[in-house]
N, C-alpha and C. Protein backbone atom coordinates (compact mmCIF):
# COMPACT_ATOMS: atom_id res chain seq x y z
N MET A 1 0.88 -1.03 -0.09
CA MET A 1 0.06 -0.10 0.10
C MET A 1 1.08 1.17 -0.20
N THR A 2 0.46 2.22 -0.57
CA THR A 2 1.51 3.76 -0.81
C THR A 2 1.19 4.14 0.33
N ARG A 3 2.37 4.96 1.14
CA ARG A 3 2.61 5.52 2.00
C ARG A 3 1.73 7.03 2.03
N ILE A 4 0.93 7.11 3.33
CA ILE A 4 0.30 8.48 3.03
C ILE A 4 0.75 9.51 4.41
N GLU A 5 0.70 10.74 4.29
CA GLU A 5 1.02 11.53 5.32
C GLU A 5 -0.04 12.49 5.64
N LEU A 6 -0.44 12.70 6.70
CA LEU A 6 -1.52 14.00 7.10
C LEU A 6 -0.95 14.86 7.59
N ARG A 7 -1.36 16.23 7.00
CA ARG A 7 -0.48 17.54 7.82
C ARG A 7 -1.76 18.55 7.70
N PRO A 8 -1.56 19.46 8.71
CA PRO A 8 -2.48 20.66 8.84
C PRO A 8 -2.36 21.14 7.77
N LEU A 9 -3.83 21.64 7.06
CA LEU A 9 -4.40 22.63 6.14
C LEU A 9 -3.53 23.76 6.35
N ARG A 10 -3.14 24.30 5.20
CA ARG A 10 -2.65 25.99 5.05
C ARG A 10 -3.20 26.69 4.10
N VAL A 11 -3.25 27.79 4.47
CA VAL A 11 -3.82 28.54 3.26
C VAL A 11 -3.26 28.58 2.04
N GLU A 12 -1.81 28.53 2.02
CA GLU A 12 -1.23 28.35 0.85
C GLU A 12 -1.41 26.87 0.01
N ASP A 13 -2.16 25.91 0.47
CA ASP A 13 -2.69 24.83 0.06
C ASP A 13 -3.82 25.12 -0.98
N ALA A 14 -4.08 26.07 -1.24
CA ALA A 14 -5.21 26.51 -2.24
C ALA A 14 -5.32 26.37 -3.51
N GLU A 15 -3.69 26.90 -3.83
CA GLU A 15 -3.61 26.61 -5.30
C GLU A 15 -3.33 25.01 -5.83
N VAL A 16 -2.71 24.41 -5.10
CA VAL A 16 -2.41 23.14 -5.43
C VAL A 16 -3.96 21.97 -5.16
N MET A 17 -4.65 22.66 -4.24
CA MET A 17 -5.70 21.78 -3.79
C MET A 17 -6.88 22.32 -4.69
N ALA A 18 -6.72 23.54 -5.32
CA ALA A 18 -7.87 23.57 -6.52
C ALA A 18 -7.36 22.63 -7.83
N ALA A 19 -6.38 22.56 -8.24
CA ALA A 19 -6.03 21.30 -9.22
C ALA A 19 -6.72 20.28 -8.77
N VAL A 20 -6.32 19.59 -7.65
CA VAL A 20 -6.61 18.05 -7.07
C VAL A 20 -8.29 18.21 -6.85
N LEU A 21 -8.92 19.09 -6.72
CA LEU A 21 -10.47 19.10 -6.63
C LEU A 21 -10.99 19.78 -8.08
N ALA A 22 -10.22 19.75 -9.27
CA ALA A 22 -10.71 20.65 -10.25
C ALA A 22 -11.67 19.68 -11.18
N ASP A 23 -11.64 18.29 -11.14
CA ASP A 23 -12.65 17.50 -11.66
C ASP A 23 -13.93 17.38 -11.11
N PRO A 24 -15.08 17.90 -12.10
CA PRO A 24 -16.51 18.20 -11.83
C PRO A 24 -16.97 16.91 -11.57
N ALA A 25 -16.29 15.58 -12.00
CA ALA A 25 -17.41 14.28 -11.71
C ALA A 25 -16.87 14.06 -10.07
N LEU A 26 -15.73 14.75 -9.49
CA LEU A 26 -15.77 14.33 -7.95
C LEU A 26 -16.84 15.14 -7.37
N TYR A 27 -17.68 15.68 -7.93
CA TYR A 27 -18.96 16.68 -7.28
C TYR A 27 -20.52 15.88 -7.85
N GLU A 28 -20.10 14.76 -8.09
CA GLU A 28 -21.27 13.89 -8.92
C GLU A 28 -22.43 13.49 -7.32
N PHE A 29 -21.78 13.33 -6.49
CA PHE A 29 -22.68 12.96 -5.36
C PHE A 29 -22.86 13.99 -4.51
N THR A 30 -22.20 15.18 -4.21
CA THR A 30 -22.04 16.26 -3.29
C THR A 30 -22.46 17.13 -3.65
N GLY A 31 -22.60 17.42 -4.97
CA GLY A 31 -23.23 18.77 -5.41
C GLY A 31 -22.05 19.79 -5.64
N GLY A 32 -22.55 20.46 -6.40
CA GLY A 32 -21.76 21.92 -6.63
C GLY A 32 -20.87 21.72 -7.59
N ARG A 33 -19.67 22.57 -7.54
CA ARG A 33 -18.77 22.19 -8.71
C ARG A 33 -17.59 22.89 -8.25
N PRO A 34 -16.42 22.56 -8.74
CA PRO A 34 -15.06 22.58 -8.49
C PRO A 34 -14.67 24.35 -7.71
N PRO A 35 -14.02 24.27 -7.21
CA PRO A 35 -13.65 25.56 -6.30
C PRO A 35 -12.33 26.13 -7.24
N THR A 36 -12.72 27.44 -7.08
CA THR A 36 -11.40 28.22 -7.69
C THR A 36 -10.43 28.41 -6.54
N ARG A 37 -9.23 28.85 -7.05
CA ARG A 37 -8.21 29.00 -6.02
C ARG A 37 -8.59 29.94 -4.81
N GLU A 38 -9.22 31.04 -5.36
CA GLU A 38 -9.67 32.28 -4.67
C GLU A 38 -10.65 31.90 -3.80
N ALA A 39 -11.73 31.04 -3.90
CA ALA A 39 -12.62 30.55 -2.97
C ALA A 39 -12.07 29.56 -2.28
N LEU A 40 -10.92 28.85 -2.57
CA LEU A 40 -10.14 28.09 -1.42
C LEU A 40 -9.48 28.88 -0.76
N VAL A 41 -8.88 29.86 -0.90
CA VAL A 41 -7.87 30.79 -0.06
C VAL A 41 -9.04 31.52 0.93
N LYS A 42 -10.37 31.66 0.52
CA LYS A 42 -11.24 32.45 1.78
C LYS A 42 -11.51 31.16 2.60
N GLN A 43 -11.85 29.72 2.30
CA GLN A 43 -12.60 28.85 2.83
C GLN A 43 -11.36 28.55 3.93
N TYR A 44 -10.15 28.24 3.33
CA TYR A 44 -9.10 27.58 4.21
C TYR A 44 -8.79 28.66 5.21
N ALA A 45 -8.73 30.10 5.13
CA ALA A 45 -8.31 30.81 5.81
C ALA A 45 -9.15 31.00 7.15
N ALA A 46 -10.62 30.54 6.92
CA ALA A 46 -11.53 30.09 7.98
C ALA A 46 -11.12 29.08 8.73
N GLN A 47 -10.99 27.91 7.99
CA GLN A 47 -10.94 26.99 8.63
C GLN A 47 -9.47 26.56 9.34
N VAL A 48 -8.52 27.28 9.07
CA VAL A 48 -7.33 27.34 9.71
C VAL A 48 -7.48 27.94 11.18
N ARG A 49 -8.12 28.58 11.22
CA ARG A 49 -8.75 29.03 12.92
C ARG A 49 -8.56 28.04 13.84
N GLY A 50 -9.16 26.84 13.41
CA GLY A 50 -9.45 25.38 13.97
C GLY A 50 -10.48 25.55 14.71
N ARG A 51 -11.36 26.79 15.06
CA ARG A 51 -12.65 26.71 15.92
C ARG A 51 -13.67 27.62 14.87
N SER A 52 -15.00 27.19 15.39
CA SER A 52 -15.84 27.96 14.96
C SER A 52 -15.95 29.39 15.68
N SER A 53 -16.75 30.59 15.14
CA SER A 53 -16.61 31.82 15.71
C SER A 53 -17.12 31.86 17.11
N ASP A 54 -18.28 31.14 17.58
CA ASP A 54 -18.54 30.97 19.00
C ASP A 54 -18.08 29.86 19.57
N GLY A 55 -16.86 29.09 19.29
CA GLY A 55 -15.95 28.24 20.04
C GLY A 55 -16.87 27.02 20.56
N SER A 56 -18.02 26.88 19.79
CA SER A 56 -18.84 25.54 19.84
C SER A 56 -17.98 24.04 19.18
N GLU A 57 -17.74 24.64 18.05
CA GLU A 57 -16.84 23.33 17.16
C GLU A 57 -15.47 23.76 17.21
N GLU A 58 -14.74 22.04 17.24
CA GLU A 58 -13.18 22.37 16.99
C GLU A 58 -13.18 21.92 15.21
N TRP A 59 -12.39 22.31 14.46
CA TRP A 59 -12.42 22.13 13.27
C TRP A 59 -10.99 21.42 13.17
N ILE A 60 -11.26 20.31 12.45
CA ILE A 60 -9.74 19.60 11.98
C ILE A 60 -9.91 19.36 10.55
N ASN A 61 -8.76 19.90 9.82
CA ASN A 61 -8.51 19.81 8.68
C ASN A 61 -7.33 19.59 8.20
N LEU A 62 -7.39 18.47 7.53
CA LEU A 62 -5.79 17.40 7.47
C LEU A 62 -5.66 17.51 5.86
N ILE A 63 -4.49 17.77 5.14
CA ILE A 63 -4.03 17.43 3.65
C ILE A 63 -3.44 15.82 3.92
N ILE A 64 -4.25 15.32 2.63
CA ILE A 64 -3.53 13.92 2.43
C ILE A 64 -2.40 14.41 1.44
N GLU A 65 -1.20 13.84 2.03
CA GLU A 65 -0.18 13.71 0.97
C GLU A 65 0.29 12.23 0.37
N TRP A 66 0.37 11.85 -0.76
CA TRP A 66 0.64 10.64 -0.93
C TRP A 66 2.47 10.26 -1.71
N GLY A 67 2.83 9.39 -1.54
CA GLY A 67 3.96 9.00 -2.03
C GLY A 67 4.92 9.67 -1.48
N VAL A 68 6.15 9.31 -2.17
CA VAL A 68 7.47 9.52 -1.68
C VAL A 68 7.71 11.06 -1.74
N GLN A 69 6.91 11.89 -2.86
CA GLN A 69 7.09 13.13 -2.90
C GLN A 69 6.34 13.88 -2.44
N ARG A 70 5.09 13.22 -1.23
CA ARG A 70 4.32 13.78 -0.91
C ARG A 70 3.35 14.94 -1.47
N GLN A 71 2.82 14.33 -2.58
CA GLN A 71 2.02 14.96 -3.32
C GLN A 71 0.69 15.02 -2.94
N PRO A 72 0.17 16.38 -2.74
CA PRO A 72 -1.22 16.45 -1.85
C PRO A 72 -2.26 15.82 -3.11
N VAL A 73 -3.05 15.11 -2.56
CA VAL A 73 -4.14 14.34 -3.39
C VAL A 73 -5.79 14.49 -2.61
N GLY A 74 -5.90 15.03 -1.70
CA GLY A 74 -7.08 15.22 -0.77
C GLY A 74 -6.68 15.79 0.40
N TYR A 75 -8.05 15.59 1.30
CA TYR A 75 -8.20 16.04 2.45
C TYR A 75 -9.03 15.19 3.20
N VAL A 76 -8.96 15.19 4.91
CA VAL A 76 -9.85 14.39 5.66
C VAL A 76 -10.11 15.74 6.84
N GLN A 77 -11.42 15.83 7.19
CA GLN A 77 -11.79 16.78 8.06
C GLN A 77 -12.66 16.07 9.52
N ALA A 78 -12.78 16.60 10.30
CA ALA A 78 -13.78 16.51 11.22
C ALA A 78 -13.98 17.89 12.00
N THR A 79 -15.13 17.82 12.27
CA THR A 79 -16.17 18.85 13.34
C THR A 79 -16.22 18.21 14.42
N VAL A 80 -15.73 18.51 15.59
CA VAL A 80 -15.76 17.88 16.68
C VAL A 80 -16.69 19.09 17.68
N THR A 81 -17.53 18.52 18.35
CA THR A 81 -18.60 19.43 19.25
C THR A 81 -17.93 19.85 20.27
N GLU A 82 -18.11 21.05 21.02
CA GLU A 82 -17.47 21.63 21.96
C GLU A 82 -17.36 20.37 23.13
N ALA A 83 -18.24 19.89 23.51
CA ALA A 83 -18.09 18.81 24.79
C ALA A 83 -17.17 17.79 24.23
N GLY A 84 -16.99 17.41 22.87
CA GLY A 84 -15.92 16.42 22.41
C GLY A 84 -15.92 15.31 22.40
N GLY A 85 -17.77 14.91 22.35
CA GLY A 85 -18.33 13.58 22.36
C GLY A 85 -18.55 13.22 21.17
N THR A 86 -19.05 13.94 20.01
CA THR A 86 -19.32 13.76 18.75
C THR A 86 -18.23 14.31 17.85
N ALA A 87 -18.05 13.70 16.56
CA ALA A 87 -17.12 14.08 15.71
C ALA A 87 -18.03 13.98 14.11
N GLU A 88 -18.20 14.87 13.35
CA GLU A 88 -18.79 14.31 11.94
C GLU A 88 -17.56 14.67 11.05
N ILE A 89 -17.10 13.40 10.35
CA ILE A 89 -15.83 13.43 9.38
C ILE A 89 -16.41 13.38 8.03
N ALA A 90 -15.13 13.70 7.14
CA ALA A 90 -15.55 13.42 5.78
C ALA A 90 -14.08 13.53 4.83
N TRP A 91 -13.98 12.94 3.95
CA TRP A 91 -12.81 12.54 3.26
C TRP A 91 -13.14 12.96 1.64
N VAL A 92 -12.13 13.37 1.09
CA VAL A 92 -12.39 13.93 -0.34
C VAL A 92 -10.91 13.46 -1.02
N VAL A 93 -10.76 12.52 -1.87
CA VAL A 93 -9.63 12.34 -2.70
C VAL A 93 -9.97 12.56 -4.30
N GLY A 94 -8.89 13.43 -4.58
CA GLY A 94 -9.01 13.94 -5.95
C GLY A 94 -9.00 12.55 -6.97
N THR A 95 -10.03 12.82 -8.17
CA THR A 95 -10.00 11.44 -9.01
C THR A 95 -9.01 10.78 -9.57
N PRO A 96 -7.91 11.25 -9.83
CA PRO A 96 -6.82 10.78 -10.40
C PRO A 96 -6.11 9.39 -9.27
N TRP A 97 -6.38 9.85 -8.17
CA TRP A 97 -5.45 8.89 -6.91
C TRP A 97 -6.94 8.23 -6.34
N GLN A 98 -7.94 7.95 -6.74
CA GLN A 98 -8.97 7.26 -6.23
C GLN A 98 -8.71 5.55 -6.49
N ARG A 99 -9.58 4.95 -5.84
CA ARG A 99 -9.51 3.41 -5.77
C ARG A 99 -7.95 2.78 -5.43
N GLN A 100 -7.49 3.88 -4.55
CA GLN A 100 -6.13 3.06 -4.26
C GLN A 100 -5.90 2.96 -2.70
N GLY A 101 -7.09 3.22 -2.03
CA GLY A 101 -6.77 2.96 -0.59
C GLY A 101 -6.82 4.39 0.26
N ILE A 102 -6.62 5.50 -0.45
CA ILE A 102 -5.75 6.38 0.00
C ILE A 102 -6.90 7.06 1.12
N ALA A 103 -8.04 7.28 0.83
CA ALA A 103 -9.21 7.71 1.49
C ALA A 103 -9.36 6.97 2.68
N THR A 104 -9.42 5.71 2.51
CA THR A 104 -9.59 4.59 3.43
C THR A 104 -8.43 4.82 4.61
N GLN A 105 -7.32 4.89 4.29
CA GLN A 105 -5.99 4.87 5.23
C GLN A 105 -6.32 6.37 5.99
N ALA A 106 -6.76 7.73 5.11
CA ALA A 106 -6.42 8.76 5.90
C ALA A 106 -7.82 8.77 6.57
N ALA A 107 -8.75 8.40 6.58
CA ALA A 107 -10.17 8.14 7.25
C ALA A 107 -10.00 7.28 8.77
N THR A 108 -9.01 6.20 8.34
CA THR A 108 -8.74 5.43 9.17
C THR A 108 -8.11 6.35 10.61
N ARG A 109 -7.15 6.96 9.93
CA ARG A 109 -6.21 7.41 10.91
C ARG A 109 -6.65 8.82 11.81
N LEU A 110 -7.61 9.03 10.95
CA LEU A 110 -8.44 10.38 11.30
C LEU A 110 -9.19 10.04 12.46
N MET A 111 -10.11 9.03 12.39
CA MET A 111 -10.88 8.30 13.12
C MET A 111 -10.46 7.53 14.28
N THR A 112 -9.01 7.00 14.19
CA THR A 112 -8.38 6.44 15.14
C THR A 112 -7.98 7.37 16.27
N ASP A 113 -7.25 8.51 15.66
CA ASP A 113 -6.93 9.36 16.68
C ASP A 113 -8.03 10.18 17.38
N LEU A 114 -9.12 10.46 16.77
CA LEU A 114 -10.36 10.96 17.21
C LEU A 114 -10.86 10.14 18.61
N VAL A 115 -10.88 8.97 18.17
CA VAL A 115 -11.17 7.92 19.42
C VAL A 115 -10.45 7.93 20.47
N ASP A 116 -9.25 8.11 20.10
CA ASP A 116 -7.99 7.86 21.00
C ASP A 116 -7.80 9.02 21.93
N ASP A 117 -8.58 10.30 21.49
CA ASP A 117 -8.84 11.67 21.95
C ASP A 117 -10.36 11.64 22.66
N GLY A 118 -10.99 10.73 22.87
CA GLY A 118 -12.18 10.55 23.88
C GLY A 118 -13.43 10.64 22.94
N VAL A 119 -13.45 11.17 21.97
CA VAL A 119 -14.64 11.23 20.96
C VAL A 119 -15.28 9.81 21.16
N GLY A 120 -16.52 9.87 21.28
CA GLY A 120 -17.24 8.68 21.50
C GLY A 120 -18.46 8.14 20.19
N GLU A 121 -18.83 9.40 19.46
CA GLU A 121 -19.65 8.89 18.06
C GLU A 121 -19.10 9.54 17.17
N ILE A 122 -18.92 8.99 16.00
CA ILE A 122 -18.28 9.31 14.67
C ILE A 122 -19.38 9.14 13.47
N ILE A 123 -19.52 10.13 12.91
CA ILE A 123 -20.65 10.54 12.07
C ILE A 123 -19.94 10.85 10.88
N ALA A 124 -20.85 10.47 9.59
CA ALA A 124 -20.58 10.78 8.34
C ALA A 124 -21.89 10.89 7.63
N HIS A 125 -22.35 11.85 6.63
CA HIS A 125 -23.11 11.81 5.64
C HIS A 125 -22.76 11.39 4.30
N ILE A 126 -23.18 10.45 3.77
CA ILE A 126 -23.10 9.86 2.73
C ILE A 126 -24.14 9.64 1.63
N HIS A 127 -24.18 10.16 0.17
CA HIS A 127 -25.51 10.04 -0.42
C HIS A 127 -25.68 8.45 -0.75
N PRO A 128 -26.70 8.16 -1.05
CA PRO A 128 -27.18 6.71 -1.13
C PRO A 128 -26.60 5.90 -2.29
N ALA A 129 -26.20 6.82 -3.33
CA ALA A 129 -25.71 5.79 -4.38
C ALA A 129 -24.04 5.91 -4.54
N HIS A 130 -23.59 6.67 -3.47
CA HIS A 130 -22.16 6.75 -3.59
C HIS A 130 -21.15 5.41 -2.73
N THR A 131 -21.43 4.47 -3.47
CA THR A 131 -20.69 3.39 -2.96
C THR A 131 -19.14 3.28 -2.42
N ALA A 132 -18.61 4.02 -3.33
CA ALA A 132 -17.34 3.90 -2.70
C ALA A 132 -17.03 4.47 -1.50
N SER A 133 -17.79 5.69 -0.95
CA SER A 133 -17.78 6.25 0.52
C SER A 133 -18.56 5.35 1.17
N GLN A 134 -19.51 4.59 0.88
CA GLN A 134 -20.17 3.62 2.05
C GLN A 134 -18.99 2.54 2.23
N ARG A 135 -18.45 2.16 1.07
CA ARG A 135 -17.44 1.13 1.69
C ARG A 135 -16.25 1.58 2.66
N ILE A 136 -15.87 2.63 2.47
CA ILE A 136 -14.92 3.46 3.38
C ILE A 136 -15.68 3.44 4.61
N ALA A 137 -16.74 3.73 4.79
CA ALA A 137 -17.83 3.87 6.06
C ALA A 137 -17.62 2.79 6.78
N GLU A 138 -17.88 1.62 6.04
CA GLU A 138 -17.73 0.40 6.35
C GLU A 138 -16.87 -0.26 7.07
N SER A 139 -15.83 0.31 6.38
CA SER A 139 -14.26 -0.03 6.78
C SER A 139 -14.04 0.39 8.09
N LEU A 140 -14.52 1.60 8.28
CA LEU A 140 -14.39 2.47 9.65
C LEU A 140 -15.07 1.83 10.83
N GLY A 141 -16.18 0.65 10.32
CA GLY A 141 -17.18 0.29 11.18
C GLY A 141 -18.32 0.80 11.72
N MET A 142 -18.42 1.72 10.86
CA MET A 142 -20.10 2.84 10.76
C MET A 142 -20.94 1.85 10.08
N ASN A 143 -22.20 2.26 10.55
CA ASN A 143 -23.35 1.66 9.98
C ASN A 143 -24.33 2.56 9.37
N ALA A 144 -25.03 2.85 8.40
CA ALA A 144 -26.00 3.31 7.99
C ALA A 144 -27.01 3.45 9.13
N THR A 145 -27.66 4.70 9.30
CA THR A 145 -28.95 4.75 9.90
C THR A 145 -30.30 5.24 8.98
N ASP A 146 -31.23 5.31 9.67
CA ASP A 146 -32.44 5.73 9.03
C ASP A 146 -32.65 7.20 9.05
N THR A 147 -31.41 7.84 9.30
CA THR A 147 -31.55 9.58 9.13
C THR A 147 -31.13 9.92 7.80
N VAL A 148 -31.69 10.80 7.40
CA VAL A 148 -31.23 11.30 5.98
C VAL A 148 -31.52 12.92 6.03
N VAL A 149 -30.21 13.36 5.92
CA VAL A 149 -30.19 14.78 5.77
C VAL A 149 -29.78 15.43 4.56
N ASP A 150 -30.47 16.32 3.89
CA ASP A 150 -30.31 16.93 2.46
C ASP A 150 -29.84 15.87 1.61
N GLY A 151 -30.46 14.89 1.62
CA GLY A 151 -30.60 13.56 0.69
C GLY A 151 -29.37 12.64 1.22
N GLU A 152 -28.66 12.90 2.37
CA GLU A 152 -27.46 12.03 2.44
C GLU A 152 -27.77 11.19 3.85
N VAL A 153 -27.55 10.00 3.71
CA VAL A 153 -27.87 9.12 4.92
C VAL A 153 -26.65 9.11 5.97
N ARG A 154 -27.04 9.20 7.08
CA ARG A 154 -26.44 9.52 8.38
C ARG A 154 -25.71 8.16 8.40
N TRP A 155 -24.13 7.86 8.75
CA TRP A 155 -23.56 6.74 8.71
C TRP A 155 -23.05 6.87 10.45
N MET A 156 -23.10 5.83 11.22
CA MET A 156 -22.47 6.38 12.59
C MET A 156 -21.87 5.32 13.15
N ARG A 157 -20.83 5.39 14.06
CA ARG A 157 -20.02 4.66 14.70
C ARG A 157 -19.76 4.97 16.04
N THR A 158 -20.45 4.31 17.07
CA THR A 158 -20.48 4.54 18.63
C THR A 158 -18.92 3.76 18.68
N ALA A 159 -17.92 4.51 19.48
CA ALA A 159 -16.58 3.93 19.52
C ALA A 159 -16.39 3.52 20.95
N GLU A 160 -15.45 2.48 20.82
CA GLU A 160 -14.85 1.85 22.13
C GLU A 160 -14.07 3.20 22.83
N PRO A 161 -13.82 2.79 24.20
CA PRO A 161 -13.02 3.85 24.84
C PRO A 161 -11.93 3.83 24.38
N PRO A 162 -11.09 5.04 24.39
CA PRO A 162 -9.63 4.96 24.00
C PRO A 162 -8.64 4.33 24.21
N LEU A 163 -7.87 3.93 23.31
CA LEU A 163 -7.15 2.97 23.24
C LEU A 163 -6.02 3.65 23.92
N ARG A 164 -5.64 4.94 23.66
CA ARG A 164 -4.52 5.59 24.24
C ARG A 164 -4.94 6.68 25.18
N PRO A 165 -5.70 6.71 25.92
CA PRO A 165 -6.41 7.87 27.02
C PRO A 165 -5.43 8.98 27.12
N GLY A 166 -6.22 9.89 27.10
CA GLY A 166 -5.51 11.24 27.83
C GLY A 166 -4.52 12.18 26.80
N ARG A 167 -4.72 11.78 25.57
CA ARG A 167 -3.52 12.29 24.86
C ARG A 167 -4.03 13.95 24.27
N GLY A 168 -5.24 14.46 24.53
CA GLY A 168 -5.41 15.52 24.14
C GLY A 168 -5.79 15.48 22.57
N ARG A 169 -6.86 16.52 22.63
CA ARG A 169 -7.29 17.15 21.21
C ARG A 169 -6.26 17.48 20.28
N ARG A 170 -5.39 18.19 20.74
CA ARG A 170 -4.50 18.79 19.74
C ARG A 170 -3.54 17.65 19.08
N SER A 171 -3.40 16.50 19.79
CA SER A 171 -2.30 15.28 19.49
C SER A 171 -2.79 14.74 18.18
N ILE A 172 -3.71 14.87 17.34
CA ILE A 172 -4.02 14.08 16.20
C ILE A 172 -2.92 13.87 15.60
N SER A 173 -2.45 12.76 15.37
CA SER A 173 -1.17 12.18 15.10
C SER A 173 -1.20 12.45 13.45
N LEU A 174 0.07 12.81 13.19
CA LEU A 174 0.23 12.93 11.80
C LEU A 174 1.38 11.91 11.20
N ALA A 175 1.73 11.08 12.14
CA ALA A 175 2.81 9.86 11.69
C ALA A 175 1.94 8.93 10.53
N SER A 176 2.67 8.49 9.77
CA SER A 176 1.72 7.52 9.13
C SER A 176 2.26 6.10 9.15
N ASP A 177 1.69 5.12 8.70
CA ASP A 177 1.82 3.81 8.71
C ASP A 177 2.41 3.27 7.35
N ASP A 178 3.26 2.35 7.15
CA ASP A 178 3.40 1.94 5.41
C ASP A 178 2.39 0.88 5.24
N GLY A 179 1.60 0.23 6.20
CA GLY A 179 0.61 -0.73 6.19
C GLY A 179 -0.24 -0.37 5.15
């Protein structure tokens, strides 16, 4: 399996990520269209703050880097509630790098770190026809629920107690596995 790295999002990532996210096919299930560099600069400037303006949510946004040259190929993100008990996660990998296990590796590492930090409930919203994302959710131990939000099915996993308790939320691991 190809090695991935996760690193915190930076505003400077807007240019390369505009290219990664440029394929209109990437939005088949999520709607919208490819973002411009300018739109990403604005979006990333807000996201790198790490918290909502009212402080009720922590935002974790990580760029997925792939291969020896650490090419940015997508991102994973989590929105963690103030109480820290629930996180909504998402993953996006650019079209040229899909079907290589990259999203599964990245989402698994993100979820593992969230659980280790004490997050007990992990949620993702997935379009009912998006079988690739459904397979990723299943690999994370998530199950589809009967809840539908904006046409997407809520998937959920109630986590076991942390494997490495007490690490603190800011410790999201950026080390990678070769496995």
